[in-house]
Amino acid sequence: MRILYVFAMLLIMTGSYAQRKKITVDRAAAKEAYEYLQAFRDNPKKMMRALGVRFDAGKVSKIKLRWNSDLAKAAELRARDMAERNYFDHSSPEGIGPNHYIVKAGYVLNSDWLKKRSANNFESIAANHPTAVDGIKAFIIGKGSPGFMHRKHVLGLDTWNGSLQDIGIGFVRIPEGATYKTYLSVIIAKHDW
């Protein structure tokens, strides 16, 4: 009986390892998404016409987003974790939210933003888009996402989101073993208020 248990555990561990091995982190796609988002913020009227969407372009934040390697690391961790463990949520199955992943990656946050374990003040997520740019477009269009909330976040359409300036994006692909083929995490943050 004990031998069967050990064999079963070995199969589970080997299967998990094989699944993780098939996940690819696409940093080039993440950078393309960052560049697309900055281009949209730089010229929202032109980009809105290209996407076929209409909203008040004057509210789009003009703050130049700065690529931050710590936030990119946190976003990759988030996207990879969702792919590896086959869930799609702002909180991990243990209830740990993006704010804690951000700090774990080395980015300093106001301690008030860490009081709640599941806290998310800075992340938008998407899944099953062929490219990371397609995920950003979906946030802006409102297709397959909570619409205005993600648009507000990535374009900085309100005072809070408009004050965020550091960005990191994680985009991973998983050909099998998960509900979705791709996972995208976009983290736009700031250190304090």
N, C-alpha and C. Protein backbone atom coordinates (compact mmCIF):
# COMPACT_ATOMS: atom_id res chain seq x y z
N MET A 1 0.82 -1.19 0.00
CA MET A 1 0.00 0.00 0.00
C MET A 1 0.87 1.26 0.00
N ARG A 2 1.92 1.24 0.81
CA ARG A 2 2.82 2.39 0.90
C ARG A 2 3.51 2.64 -0.45
N ILE A 3 3.85 1.58 -1.15
CA ILE A 3 4.50 1.71 -2.45
C ILE A 3 3.56 2.40 -3.43
N LEU A 4 2.27 2.06 -3.40
CA LEU A 4 1.29 2.71 -4.27
C LEU A 4 1.20 4.20 -3.97
N TYR A 5 1.22 4.54 -2.70
CA TYR A 5 1.15 5.94 -2.29
C TYR A 5 2.37 6.71 -2.82
N VAL A 6 3.56 6.16 -2.65
CA VAL A 6 4.79 6.80 -3.13
C VAL A 6 4.74 6.94 -4.65
N PHE A 7 4.29 5.91 -5.34
CA PHE A 7 4.20 5.94 -6.80
C PHE A 7 3.21 7.02 -7.24
N ALA A 8 2.06 7.11 -6.57
CA ALA A 8 1.06 8.12 -6.90
C ALA A 8 1.62 9.53 -6.69
N MET A 9 2.33 9.74 -5.59
CA MET A 9 2.92 11.06 -5.32
C MET A 9 3.97 11.41 -6.37
N LEU A 10 4.75 10.42 -6.78
CA LEU A 10 5.77 10.65 -7.80
C LEU A 10 5.11 11.06 -9.12
N LEU A 11 4.02 10.41 -9.48
CA LEU A 11 3.30 10.76 -10.70
C LEU A 11 2.75 12.18 -10.64
N ILE A 12 2.20 12.54 -9.50
CA ILE A 12 1.64 13.89 -9.33
C ILE A 12 2.75 14.93 -9.45
N MET A 13 3.86 14.71 -8.76
CA MET A 13 4.97 15.66 -8.80
C MET A 13 5.56 15.75 -10.21
N THR A 14 5.71 14.64 -10.88
CA THR A 14 6.25 14.64 -12.24
C THR A 14 5.30 15.36 -13.17
N GLY A 15 4.00 15.13 -13.03
CA GLY A 15 3.00 15.81 -13.86
C GLY A 15 3.03 17.30 -13.65
N SER A 16 3.15 17.75 -12.40
CA SER A 16 3.20 19.18 -12.10
C SER A 16 4.45 19.80 -12.71
N TYR A 17 5.58 19.10 -12.60
CA TYR A 17 6.82 19.60 -13.16
C TYR A 17 6.72 19.71 -14.67
N ALA A 18 6.15 18.69 -15.30
CA ALA A 18 6.02 18.70 -16.76
C ALA A 18 5.12 19.85 -17.20
N GLN A 19 4.05 20.07 -16.46
CA GLN A 19 3.14 21.16 -16.81
C GLN A 19 3.85 22.50 -16.68
N ARG A 20 4.59 22.72 -15.59
CA ARG A 20 5.33 23.96 -15.40
C ARG A 20 6.33 24.17 -16.52
N LYS A 21 6.95 23.10 -16.95
CA LYS A 21 7.96 23.19 -17.97
C LYS A 21 7.40 23.70 -19.29
N LYS A 22 6.14 23.45 -19.56
CA LYS A 22 5.52 23.86 -20.81
C LYS A 22 5.08 25.32 -20.79
N ILE A 23 5.08 25.94 -19.65
CA ILE A 23 4.70 27.35 -19.55
C ILE A 23 5.86 28.20 -20.05
N THR A 24 5.56 29.14 -20.94
CA THR A 24 6.59 30.05 -21.42
C THR A 24 6.23 31.48 -21.03
N VAL A 25 7.20 32.17 -20.49
CA VAL A 25 7.05 33.59 -20.16
C VAL A 25 7.46 34.36 -21.41
N ASP A 26 6.58 35.21 -21.90
CA ASP A 26 6.86 35.97 -23.13
C ASP A 26 7.11 37.43 -22.77
N ARG A 27 8.36 37.74 -22.47
CA ARG A 27 8.74 39.11 -22.06
C ARG A 27 8.67 40.08 -23.23
N ALA A 28 8.94 39.61 -24.43
CA ALA A 28 8.85 40.49 -25.60
C ALA A 28 7.39 40.94 -25.80
N ALA A 29 6.46 40.02 -25.63
CA ALA A 29 5.03 40.36 -25.76
C ALA A 29 4.61 41.34 -24.66
N ALA A 30 5.15 41.16 -23.45
CA ALA A 30 4.85 42.06 -22.35
C ALA A 30 5.33 43.48 -22.67
N LYS A 31 6.54 43.60 -23.20
CA LYS A 31 7.09 44.91 -23.56
C LYS A 31 6.27 45.54 -24.70
N GLU A 32 5.84 44.74 -25.67
CA GLU A 32 4.99 45.25 -26.75
C GLU A 32 3.68 45.80 -26.19
N ALA A 33 3.12 45.12 -25.20
CA ALA A 33 1.88 45.59 -24.58
C ALA A 33 2.11 46.91 -23.86
N TYR A 34 3.24 47.03 -23.19
CA TYR A 34 3.60 48.28 -22.51
C TYR A 34 3.71 49.42 -23.54
N GLU A 35 4.40 49.16 -24.63
CA GLU A 35 4.57 50.18 -25.67
C GLU A 35 3.23 50.57 -26.29
N TYR A 36 2.37 49.58 -26.51
CA TYR A 36 1.04 49.87 -27.06
C TYR A 36 0.24 50.73 -26.09
N LEU A 37 0.27 50.38 -24.82
CA LEU A 37 -0.47 51.14 -23.82
C LEU A 37 0.05 52.57 -23.72
N GLN A 38 1.36 52.75 -23.76
CA GLN A 38 1.90 54.10 -23.70
C GLN A 38 1.52 54.88 -24.95
N ALA A 39 1.54 54.23 -26.12
CA ALA A 39 1.12 54.89 -27.36
C ALA A 39 -0.35 55.32 -27.28
N PHE A 40 -1.17 54.47 -26.67
CA PHE A 40 -2.58 54.82 -26.51
C PHE A 40 -2.71 56.04 -25.61
N ARG A 41 -1.98 56.07 -24.51
CA ARG A 41 -2.04 57.22 -23.60
C ARG A 41 -1.50 58.48 -24.27
N ASP A 42 -0.51 58.34 -25.14
CA ASP A 42 0.07 59.50 -25.82
C ASP A 42 -0.87 60.09 -26.87
N ASN A 43 -1.67 59.25 -27.52
CA ASN A 43 -2.55 59.72 -28.58
C ASN A 43 -3.89 58.97 -28.53
N PRO A 44 -4.67 59.23 -27.49
CA PRO A 44 -5.89 58.44 -27.30
C PRO A 44 -6.93 58.58 -28.42
N LYS A 45 -7.08 59.76 -29.00
CA LYS A 45 -8.09 59.93 -30.05
C LYS A 45 -7.81 59.04 -31.25
N LYS A 46 -6.56 59.05 -31.69
CA LYS A 46 -6.16 58.22 -32.84
C LYS A 46 -6.35 56.74 -32.51
N MET A 47 -5.90 56.33 -31.32
CA MET A 47 -5.98 54.92 -30.94
C MET A 47 -7.44 54.47 -30.73
N MET A 48 -8.26 55.37 -30.22
CA MET A 48 -9.68 55.04 -30.04
C MET A 48 -10.34 54.78 -31.40
N ARG A 49 -10.03 55.63 -32.38
CA ARG A 49 -10.59 55.43 -33.73
C ARG A 49 -10.17 54.06 -34.26
N ALA A 50 -8.90 53.71 -34.10
CA ALA A 50 -8.39 52.43 -34.60
C ALA A 50 -9.09 51.25 -33.93
N LEU A 51 -9.46 51.40 -32.64
CA LEU A 51 -10.15 50.32 -31.91
C LEU A 51 -11.66 50.37 -32.08
N GLY A 52 -12.16 51.49 -32.56
CA GLY A 52 -13.61 51.63 -32.71
C GLY A 52 -14.34 51.84 -31.40
N VAL A 53 -13.69 52.53 -30.46
CA VAL A 53 -14.33 52.83 -29.17
C VAL A 53 -14.45 54.33 -29.00
N ARG A 54 -15.40 54.71 -28.14
CA ARG A 54 -15.61 56.12 -27.86
C ARG A 54 -15.77 56.34 -26.37
N PHE A 55 -15.00 57.25 -25.85
CA PHE A 55 -15.16 57.74 -24.48
C PHE A 55 -14.38 59.05 -24.42
N ASP A 56 -14.41 59.72 -23.30
CA ASP A 56 -13.77 61.02 -23.16
C ASP A 56 -12.25 60.87 -23.17
N ALA A 57 -11.65 61.13 -24.32
CA ALA A 57 -10.19 60.99 -24.47
C ALA A 57 -9.44 61.98 -23.58
N GLY A 58 -10.09 63.07 -23.22
CA GLY A 58 -9.45 64.07 -22.38
C GLY A 58 -9.16 63.58 -20.97
N LYS A 59 -9.81 62.51 -20.56
CA LYS A 59 -9.57 61.96 -19.22
C LYS A 59 -8.42 60.97 -19.16
N VAL A 60 -7.89 60.54 -20.29
CA VAL A 60 -6.79 59.59 -20.32
C VAL A 60 -5.54 60.27 -19.73
N SER A 61 -4.92 59.61 -18.78
CA SER A 61 -3.75 60.16 -18.09
C SER A 61 -2.61 60.42 -19.06
N LYS A 62 -1.98 61.56 -18.90
CA LYS A 62 -0.82 61.93 -19.72
C LYS A 62 0.49 61.57 -19.00
N ILE A 63 0.37 61.01 -17.80
CA ILE A 63 1.58 60.60 -17.07
C ILE A 63 2.28 59.50 -17.87
N LYS A 64 3.55 59.70 -18.10
CA LYS A 64 4.36 58.71 -18.81
C LYS A 64 4.59 57.52 -17.89
N LEU A 65 4.19 56.34 -18.34
CA LEU A 65 4.41 55.13 -17.56
C LEU A 65 5.88 54.74 -17.63
N ARG A 66 6.42 54.30 -16.50
CA ARG A 66 7.82 53.87 -16.43
C ARG A 66 7.86 52.37 -16.18
N TRP A 67 8.57 51.67 -17.06
CA TRP A 67 8.73 50.22 -16.87
C TRP A 67 9.51 49.99 -15.59
N ASN A 68 8.99 49.09 -14.74
CA ASN A 68 9.62 48.79 -13.47
C ASN A 68 9.87 47.28 -13.40
N SER A 69 11.12 46.90 -13.25
CA SER A 69 11.47 45.47 -13.28
C SER A 69 10.87 44.71 -12.09
N ASP A 70 10.73 45.35 -10.93
CA ASP A 70 10.10 44.67 -9.79
C ASP A 70 8.63 44.38 -10.07
N LEU A 71 7.94 45.36 -10.66
CA LEU A 71 6.52 45.13 -11.00
C LEU A 71 6.39 44.10 -12.11
N ALA A 72 7.32 44.11 -13.05
CA ALA A 72 7.29 43.08 -14.11
C ALA A 72 7.48 41.70 -13.50
N LYS A 73 8.38 41.59 -12.54
CA LYS A 73 8.61 40.32 -11.85
C LYS A 73 7.33 39.87 -11.12
N ALA A 74 6.68 40.80 -10.43
CA ALA A 74 5.43 40.47 -9.72
C ALA A 74 4.35 40.05 -10.71
N ALA A 75 4.23 40.74 -11.83
CA ALA A 75 3.22 40.41 -12.84
C ALA A 75 3.50 39.03 -13.45
N GLU A 76 4.77 38.74 -13.70
CA GLU A 76 5.12 37.41 -14.21
C GLU A 76 4.78 36.33 -13.19
N LEU A 77 5.11 36.59 -11.92
CA LEU A 77 4.76 35.62 -10.87
C LEU A 77 3.27 35.36 -10.84
N ARG A 78 2.48 36.43 -10.94
CA ARG A 78 1.03 36.31 -10.91
C ARG A 78 0.52 35.50 -12.11
N ALA A 79 0.96 35.87 -13.31
CA ALA A 79 0.50 35.19 -14.53
C ALA A 79 0.92 33.72 -14.52
N ARG A 80 2.16 33.47 -14.14
CA ARG A 80 2.67 32.10 -14.10
C ARG A 80 1.94 31.26 -13.06
N ASP A 81 1.67 31.84 -11.89
CA ASP A 81 0.97 31.12 -10.84
C ASP A 81 -0.43 30.72 -11.29
N MET A 82 -1.12 31.65 -11.96
CA MET A 82 -2.47 31.32 -12.46
C MET A 82 -2.40 30.18 -13.48
N ALA A 83 -1.41 30.22 -14.36
CA ALA A 83 -1.27 29.17 -15.38
C ALA A 83 -0.90 27.83 -14.74
N GLU A 84 0.08 27.85 -13.84
CA GLU A 84 0.55 26.61 -13.21
C GLU A 84 -0.55 25.93 -12.40
N ARG A 85 -1.34 26.75 -11.68
CA ARG A 85 -2.31 26.16 -10.76
C ARG A 85 -3.75 26.26 -11.28
N ASN A 86 -3.88 26.68 -12.54
CA ASN A 86 -5.16 26.67 -13.25
C ASN A 86 -6.28 27.39 -12.47
N TYR A 87 -6.04 28.66 -12.19
CA TYR A 87 -7.09 29.51 -11.64
C TYR A 87 -7.02 30.86 -12.34
N PHE A 88 -8.05 31.64 -12.22
CA PHE A 88 -8.07 32.98 -12.81
C PHE A 88 -8.76 33.91 -11.83
N ASP A 89 -7.95 34.62 -11.05
CA ASP A 89 -8.50 35.47 -9.99
C ASP A 89 -7.40 36.42 -9.52
N HIS A 90 -7.82 37.52 -8.93
CA HIS A 90 -6.84 38.46 -8.37
C HIS A 90 -6.19 37.92 -7.10
N SER A 91 -6.81 36.95 -6.48
CA SER A 91 -6.23 36.31 -5.29
C SER A 91 -5.85 34.88 -5.61
N SER A 92 -4.74 34.43 -5.03
CA SER A 92 -4.32 33.04 -5.19
C SER A 92 -5.32 32.14 -4.46
N PRO A 93 -5.27 30.83 -4.69
CA PRO A 93 -6.17 29.93 -3.95
C PRO A 93 -6.03 30.05 -2.43
N GLU A 94 -4.89 30.54 -1.96
CA GLU A 94 -4.69 30.74 -0.52
C GLU A 94 -5.20 32.10 -0.05
N GLY A 95 -5.72 32.91 -0.99
CA GLY A 95 -6.26 34.23 -0.64
C GLY A 95 -5.24 35.34 -0.62
N ILE A 96 -4.10 35.15 -1.27
CA ILE A 96 -3.06 36.18 -1.30
C ILE A 96 -3.24 37.03 -2.56
N GLY A 97 -3.37 38.33 -2.36
CA GLY A 97 -3.62 39.25 -3.46
C GLY A 97 -2.37 39.86 -4.06
N PRO A 98 -2.55 40.60 -5.15
CA PRO A 98 -1.43 41.19 -5.88
C PRO A 98 -0.53 42.11 -5.04
N ASN A 99 -1.10 42.84 -4.10
CA ASN A 99 -0.26 43.75 -3.31
C ASN A 99 0.88 43.00 -2.62
N HIS A 100 0.59 41.80 -2.14
CA HIS A 100 1.63 41.01 -1.46
C HIS A 100 2.66 40.47 -2.46
N TYR A 101 2.23 40.11 -3.67
CA TYR A 101 3.16 39.68 -4.70
C TYR A 101 4.08 40.83 -5.10
N ILE A 102 3.52 42.03 -5.14
CA ILE A 102 4.30 43.22 -5.52
C ILE A 102 5.43 43.44 -4.51
N VAL A 103 5.10 43.38 -3.24
CA VAL A 103 6.12 43.58 -2.19
C VAL A 103 7.14 42.44 -2.21
N LYS A 104 6.66 41.22 -2.41
CA LYS A 104 7.57 40.06 -2.48
C LYS A 104 8.59 40.22 -3.61
N ALA A 105 8.19 40.90 -4.68
CA ALA A 105 9.09 41.12 -5.82
C ALA A 105 10.08 42.26 -5.58
N GLY A 106 9.92 42.98 -4.47
CA GLY A 106 10.89 44.02 -4.14
C GLY A 106 10.39 45.44 -4.28
N TYR A 107 9.16 45.65 -4.71
CA TYR A 107 8.61 46.99 -4.86
C TYR A 107 8.01 47.41 -3.52
N VAL A 108 8.33 48.60 -3.05
CA VAL A 108 7.87 49.07 -1.74
C VAL A 108 6.49 49.71 -1.87
N LEU A 109 5.55 49.25 -1.03
CA LEU A 109 4.20 49.81 -0.99
C LEU A 109 3.92 50.38 0.39
N ASN A 110 2.98 51.29 0.45
CA ASN A 110 2.47 51.82 1.70
C ASN A 110 1.96 50.63 2.53
N SER A 111 2.32 50.56 3.79
CA SER A 111 1.94 49.42 4.64
C SER A 111 0.42 49.28 4.78
N ASP A 112 -0.33 50.37 4.62
CA ASP A 112 -1.80 50.28 4.68
C ASP A 112 -2.35 49.38 3.57
N TRP A 113 -1.64 49.29 2.45
CA TRP A 113 -2.10 48.48 1.33
C TRP A 113 -1.81 46.99 1.52
N LEU A 114 -1.22 46.64 2.66
CA LEU A 114 -0.90 45.24 2.94
C LEU A 114 -1.69 44.67 4.11
N LYS A 115 -2.55 45.47 4.70
CA LYS A 115 -3.30 45.02 5.87
C LYS A 115 -4.25 43.88 5.54
N LYS A 116 -4.85 43.92 4.37
CA LYS A 116 -5.75 42.85 3.94
C LYS A 116 -4.96 41.91 3.02
N ARG A 117 -4.95 40.64 3.36
CA ARG A 117 -4.17 39.64 2.62
C ARG A 117 -4.51 39.57 1.13
N SER A 118 -5.77 39.76 0.80
CA SER A 118 -6.21 39.64 -0.59
C SER A 118 -6.21 40.97 -1.35
N ALA A 119 -5.62 42.00 -0.77
CA ALA A 119 -5.69 43.35 -1.35
C ALA A 119 -5.16 43.42 -2.78
N ASN A 120 -5.90 44.19 -3.58
CA ASN A 120 -5.50 44.49 -4.95
C ASN A 120 -5.81 45.96 -5.23
N ASN A 121 -4.79 46.76 -5.25
CA ASN A 121 -4.96 48.16 -5.61
C ASN A 121 -4.37 48.48 -6.98
N PHE A 122 -3.73 47.49 -7.62
CA PHE A 122 -2.89 47.83 -8.76
C PHE A 122 -2.93 46.88 -9.96
N GLU A 123 -3.70 45.81 -9.95
CA GLU A 123 -3.60 44.80 -11.01
C GLU A 123 -4.87 44.68 -11.83
N SER A 124 -4.68 44.50 -13.13
CA SER A 124 -5.73 44.06 -14.05
C SER A 124 -5.25 42.75 -14.66
N ILE A 125 -6.16 41.79 -14.83
CA ILE A 125 -5.79 40.50 -15.41
C ILE A 125 -6.71 40.15 -16.58
N ALA A 126 -6.16 39.36 -17.49
CA ALA A 126 -6.92 38.86 -18.63
C ALA A 126 -6.39 37.47 -18.96
N ALA A 127 -7.19 36.72 -19.70
CA ALA A 127 -6.77 35.38 -20.08
C ALA A 127 -7.30 35.05 -21.47
N ASN A 128 -6.57 34.17 -22.13
CA ASN A 128 -6.96 33.59 -23.40
C ASN A 128 -6.93 34.56 -24.57
N HIS A 129 -6.07 35.56 -24.51
CA HIS A 129 -5.87 36.46 -25.64
C HIS A 129 -4.61 36.02 -26.37
N PRO A 130 -4.64 36.01 -27.70
CA PRO A 130 -3.47 35.52 -28.46
C PRO A 130 -2.18 36.27 -28.15
N THR A 131 -2.29 37.58 -27.89
CA THR A 131 -1.10 38.38 -27.57
C THR A 131 -1.40 39.25 -26.35
N ALA A 132 -0.35 39.77 -25.76
CA ALA A 132 -0.53 40.68 -24.62
C ALA A 132 -1.17 41.99 -25.09
N VAL A 133 -0.85 42.43 -26.29
CA VAL A 133 -1.49 43.64 -26.84
C VAL A 133 -2.99 43.42 -26.97
N ASP A 134 -3.39 42.24 -27.41
CA ASP A 134 -4.82 41.93 -27.50
C ASP A 134 -5.49 42.01 -26.13
N GLY A 135 -4.77 41.60 -25.09
CA GLY A 135 -5.30 41.71 -23.73
C GLY A 135 -5.50 43.16 -23.32
N ILE A 136 -4.53 44.02 -23.65
CA ILE A 136 -4.65 45.46 -23.36
C ILE A 136 -5.84 46.04 -24.12
N LYS A 137 -5.97 45.67 -25.38
CA LYS A 137 -7.10 46.15 -26.18
C LYS A 137 -8.43 45.72 -25.54
N ALA A 138 -8.48 44.49 -25.05
CA ALA A 138 -9.71 44.00 -24.41
C ALA A 138 -10.05 44.82 -23.17
N PHE A 139 -9.02 45.19 -22.39
CA PHE A 139 -9.27 46.06 -21.23
C PHE A 139 -9.90 47.37 -21.67
N ILE A 140 -9.38 47.95 -22.74
CA ILE A 140 -9.83 49.26 -23.21
C ILE A 140 -11.23 49.16 -23.82
N ILE A 141 -11.46 48.12 -24.61
CA ILE A 141 -12.77 47.94 -25.25
C ILE A 141 -13.81 47.52 -24.21
N GLY A 142 -13.38 46.73 -23.24
CA GLY A 142 -14.31 46.21 -22.24
C GLY A 142 -14.80 44.82 -22.58
N LYS A 143 -14.18 44.20 -23.57
CA LYS A 143 -14.58 42.86 -24.01
C LYS A 143 -13.93 41.80 -23.13
N GLY A 144 -14.73 40.92 -22.55
CA GLY A 144 -14.21 39.81 -21.77
C GLY A 144 -13.54 40.26 -20.48
N SER A 145 -13.89 41.44 -19.99
CA SER A 145 -13.32 41.93 -18.74
C SER A 145 -14.38 42.79 -18.06
N PRO A 146 -14.14 43.16 -16.81
CA PRO A 146 -15.13 44.00 -16.13
C PRO A 146 -15.21 45.41 -16.72
N GLY A 147 -15.00 45.51 -18.01
CA GLY A 147 -15.20 46.75 -18.75
C GLY A 147 -14.53 47.96 -18.17
N PHE A 148 -15.32 48.86 -17.68
CA PHE A 148 -14.84 50.17 -17.29
C PHE A 148 -13.75 50.12 -16.22
N MET A 149 -13.80 49.17 -15.30
CA MET A 149 -12.80 49.10 -14.22
C MET A 149 -11.39 48.90 -14.77
N HIS A 150 -11.23 47.99 -15.71
CA HIS A 150 -9.91 47.76 -16.29
C HIS A 150 -9.49 48.93 -17.16
N ARG A 151 -10.43 49.47 -17.93
CA ARG A 151 -10.12 50.64 -18.76
C ARG A 151 -9.64 51.79 -17.88
N LYS A 152 -10.36 52.02 -16.79
CA LYS A 152 -10.02 53.08 -15.85
C LYS A 152 -8.60 52.88 -15.31
N HIS A 153 -8.27 51.63 -15.00
CA HIS A 153 -6.94 51.33 -14.46
C HIS A 153 -5.84 51.57 -15.48
N VAL A 154 -5.92 50.94 -16.64
CA VAL A 154 -4.80 50.99 -17.59
C VAL A 154 -4.65 52.35 -18.26
N LEU A 155 -5.75 53.10 -18.36
CA LEU A 155 -5.66 54.42 -18.99
C LEU A 155 -5.60 55.56 -17.99
N GLY A 156 -5.72 55.24 -16.69
CA GLY A 156 -5.63 56.28 -15.67
C GLY A 156 -6.75 57.29 -15.77
N LEU A 157 -7.99 56.82 -15.90
CA LEU A 157 -9.13 57.70 -16.16
C LEU A 157 -9.68 58.43 -14.94
N ASP A 158 -9.21 58.11 -13.76
CA ASP A 158 -9.67 58.83 -12.57
C ASP A 158 -8.45 59.32 -11.79
N THR A 159 -8.69 60.05 -10.73
CA THR A 159 -7.59 60.64 -9.97
C THR A 159 -6.63 59.59 -9.44
N TRP A 160 -7.17 58.52 -8.85
CA TRP A 160 -6.32 57.47 -8.28
C TRP A 160 -5.48 56.80 -9.36
N ASN A 161 -6.12 56.22 -10.36
CA ASN A 161 -5.40 55.49 -11.40
C ASN A 161 -4.52 56.42 -12.23
N GLY A 162 -4.92 57.67 -12.38
CA GLY A 162 -4.13 58.64 -13.11
C GLY A 162 -2.84 59.01 -12.39
N SER A 163 -2.78 58.75 -11.10
CA SER A 163 -1.57 59.06 -10.32
C SER A 163 -0.55 57.91 -10.34
N LEU A 164 -0.93 56.76 -10.84
CA LEU A 164 -0.03 55.60 -10.89
C LEU A 164 0.94 55.78 -12.05
N GLN A 165 2.21 55.44 -11.83
CA GLN A 165 3.19 55.73 -12.87
C GLN A 165 4.16 54.61 -13.19
N ASP A 166 4.32 53.64 -12.31
CA ASP A 166 5.23 52.52 -12.55
C ASP A 166 4.43 51.34 -13.08
N ILE A 167 4.99 50.64 -14.06
CA ILE A 167 4.25 49.53 -14.69
C ILE A 167 5.14 48.31 -14.86
N GLY A 168 4.51 47.16 -14.75
CA GLY A 168 5.14 45.89 -15.08
C GLY A 168 4.06 44.99 -15.65
N ILE A 169 4.40 44.22 -16.64
CA ILE A 169 3.44 43.33 -17.30
C ILE A 169 4.03 41.93 -17.36
N GLY A 170 3.21 40.94 -17.07
CA GLY A 170 3.59 39.54 -17.20
C GLY A 170 2.64 38.85 -18.16
N PHE A 171 3.18 38.12 -19.12
CA PHE A 171 2.37 37.39 -20.09
C PHE A 171 2.96 36.01 -20.26
N VAL A 172 2.14 34.98 -20.01
CA VAL A 172 2.62 33.60 -20.14
C VAL A 172 1.70 32.81 -21.06
N ARG A 173 2.30 31.81 -21.68
CA ARG A 173 1.56 30.89 -22.56
C ARG A 173 1.67 29.48 -21.97
N ILE A 174 0.55 28.75 -22.03
CA ILE A 174 0.55 27.35 -21.60
C ILE A 174 -0.29 26.56 -22.60
N PRO A 175 0.35 25.67 -23.37
CA PRO A 175 -0.37 24.99 -24.44
C PRO A 175 -1.41 23.98 -23.96
N GLU A 176 -1.22 23.43 -22.74
CA GLU A 176 -2.18 22.45 -22.23
C GLU A 176 -2.09 22.39 -20.72
N GLY A 177 -3.13 21.84 -20.11
CA GLY A 177 -3.11 21.65 -18.67
C GLY A 177 -3.71 22.79 -17.87
N ALA A 178 -4.31 23.77 -18.57
CA ALA A 178 -4.97 24.88 -17.89
C ALA A 178 -6.22 25.26 -18.68
N THR A 179 -7.11 25.94 -18.03
CA THR A 179 -8.35 26.37 -18.67
C THR A 179 -8.07 27.29 -19.85
N TYR A 180 -7.10 28.18 -19.69
CA TYR A 180 -6.79 29.16 -20.74
C TYR A 180 -5.40 28.91 -21.31
N LYS A 181 -5.17 29.40 -22.50
CA LYS A 181 -3.87 29.23 -23.18
C LYS A 181 -2.89 30.35 -22.84
N THR A 182 -3.40 31.50 -22.41
CA THR A 182 -2.53 32.61 -22.02
C THR A 182 -3.09 33.28 -20.77
N TYR A 183 -2.18 33.89 -20.01
CA TYR A 183 -2.54 34.65 -18.81
C TYR A 183 -1.75 35.95 -18.82
N LEU A 184 -2.45 37.05 -18.54
CA LEU A 184 -1.85 38.38 -18.57
C LEU A 184 -2.10 39.09 -17.23
N SER A 185 -1.06 39.65 -16.67
CA SER A 185 -1.17 40.48 -15.47
C SER A 185 -0.53 41.82 -15.77
N VAL A 186 -1.29 42.89 -15.57
CA VAL A 186 -0.79 44.25 -15.77
C VAL A 186 -0.84 44.94 -14.41
N ILE A 187 0.31 45.35 -13.92
CA ILE A 187 0.40 46.03 -12.63
C ILE A 187 0.91 47.45 -12.87
N ILE A 188 0.07 48.40 -12.50
CA ILE A 188 0.45 49.82 -12.58
C ILE A 188 0.31 50.35 -11.16
N ALA A 189 1.40 50.86 -10.59
CA ALA A 189 1.41 51.18 -9.17
C ALA A 189 2.19 52.44 -8.86
N LYS A 190 2.21 52.74 -7.58
CA LYS A 190 3.07 53.80 -7.04
C LYS A 190 3.41 53.40 -5.61
N HIS A 191 4.45 53.99 -5.09
CA HIS A 191 4.93 53.61 -3.77
C HIS A 191 4.05 54.12 -2.64
N ASP A 192 3.50 55.30 -2.76
CA ASP A 192 2.76 55.89 -1.64
C ASP A 192 1.72 56.85 -2.20
N TRP A 193 0.88 57.39 -1.30
CA TRP A 193 -0.09 58.40 -1.74
C TRP A 193 0.25 59.74 -1.23
